[in-house]
Amino acid sequence: MEIPREEIPWFPSINYEKCIRCLTCVKMCPHNVYGVEGNEPRPIVKNPYECAVGCQSCAKMCPSNAINFPSTEELRKILRELRQKYSR
C-alpha cells in the first residue's frame, strides 16, 4: 500500500516573526525542502513534499524555534485515514 507523498500534509511552516534569518534550516536539510528568497535573504519552504514524513530535524536545530510541524497526533490520524483510503 503506497500513499502518494502529496497526500500527506507533513512539511514545515516558518514563523517569520520568530525567524532570525540564520538559514540554518536551509543549510542542514538534506532533502532540499528549503530555498532562499529576497534581498535580505530569508528561508522559504520551496519543496514541501520532499520533506521526510516524521522528520523534524530542522525544527530542532532552529535557534529561534521558528519552524513548526503538525503534531504527531495529527500525523497519526491523517496516516490512519489515508491507509484506509488506499487499502481499498
Protein backbone atom coordinates (compact mmCIF):
# COMPACT_ATOMS: atom_id res chain seq x y z
CA MET A 1 0.00 0.00 0.00
CA GLU A 2 1.66 3.15 -1.19
CA ILE A 3 0.29 6.53 -0.15
CA PRO A 4 1.20 9.32 -2.60
CA ARG A 5 3.51 11.74 -0.79
CA GLU A 6 1.45 14.73 -1.95
CA GLU A 7 -1.47 13.42 0.12
CA ILE A 8 0.48 13.59 3.38
CA PRO A 9 0.43 17.15 4.74
CA TRP A 10 3.76 16.85 6.56
CA PHE A 11 6.12 19.74 5.93
CA PRO A 12 7.48 22.69 7.88
CA SER A 13 5.99 26.12 8.22
CA ILE A 14 8.11 29.12 9.18
CA ASN A 15 7.04 31.72 11.71
CA TYR A 16 8.70 34.84 10.26
CA GLU A 17 8.07 36.80 13.44
CA LYS A 18 10.49 34.45 15.20
CA CYS A 19 12.84 33.72 12.28
CA ILE A 20 16.26 35.40 12.62
CA ARG A 21 17.25 34.54 9.02
CA CYS A 22 20.25 32.48 10.06
CA LEU A 23 19.43 29.96 7.29
CA THR A 24 20.33 27.01 9.49
CA CYS A 25 17.30 25.16 8.13
CA VAL A 26 18.43 25.70 4.54
CA LYS A 27 21.98 24.56 5.27
CA MET A 28 21.13 21.45 7.27
CA CYS A 29 18.18 19.95 5.37
CA PRO A 30 19.42 17.04 3.22
CA HIS A 31 16.12 16.87 1.32
CA ASN A 32 16.24 20.31 -0.32
CA VAL A 33 12.96 21.35 1.32
CA TYR A 34 14.06 24.95 1.77
CA GLY A 35 15.07 27.73 -0.56
CA VAL A 36 16.11 31.33 -0.04
CA GLU A 37 14.38 34.47 -1.31
CA GLY A 38 14.64 38.21 -1.02
CA ASN A 39 17.30 40.90 -0.90
CA GLU A 40 17.51 40.30 2.83
CA PRO A 41 17.70 36.52 2.44
CA ARG A 42 15.07 34.53 4.27
CA PRO A 43 14.23 30.84 4.15
CA ILE A 44 11.13 29.62 2.34
CA VAL A 45 9.57 26.17 2.12
CA LYS A 46 10.34 25.60 -1.55
CA ASN A 47 9.80 21.84 -1.90
CA PRO A 48 7.38 20.81 0.87
CA TYR A 49 6.77 17.28 -0.37
CA GLU A 50 10.47 16.48 -0.33
CA CYS A 51 10.30 16.60 3.48
CA ALA A 52 10.69 13.15 5.05
CA VAL A 53 7.47 12.28 6.84
CA GLY A 54 8.06 12.46 10.57
CA CYS A 55 11.38 14.31 10.32
CA GLN A 56 11.67 17.42 12.48
CA SER A 57 15.44 17.90 12.47
CA CYS A 58 15.27 21.43 11.13
CA ALA A 59 12.86 22.48 13.88
CA LYS A 60 15.17 21.03 16.50
CA MET A 61 18.17 22.88 15.02
CA CYS A 62 16.41 26.24 14.64
CA PRO A 63 17.89 28.60 17.27
CA SER A 64 14.76 30.75 17.37
CA ASN A 65 12.13 27.98 17.36
CA ALA A 66 10.62 29.44 14.19
CA ILE A 67 9.85 26.15 12.45
CA ASN A 68 6.64 24.24 13.11
CA PHE A 69 5.18 20.92 12.02
CA PRO A 70 1.79 19.30 12.54
CA SER A 71 1.55 17.44 15.83
CA THR A 72 2.40 13.75 15.99
CA GLU A 73 -1.25 13.09 16.87
CA GLU A 74 -2.41 14.89 13.72
CA LEU A 75 0.08 12.94 11.61
CA ARG A 76 -1.06 9.60 13.04
CA LYS A 77 -4.73 10.45 12.42
CA ILE A 78 -4.05 11.52 8.83
CA LEU A 79 -1.97 8.41 8.11
CA ARG A 80 -4.70 6.14 9.53
CA GLU A 81 -7.27 7.78 7.26
CA LEU A 82 -5.00 7.57 4.22
CA ARG A 83 -4.18 3.89 4.88
CA GLN A 84 -7.91 3.15 4.92
CA LYS A 85 -8.39 5.12 1.70
CA TYR A 86 -5.58 3.32 -0.13
CA SER A 87 -6.17 -0.18 1.22
CA ARG A 88 -9.46 -0.48 -0.66
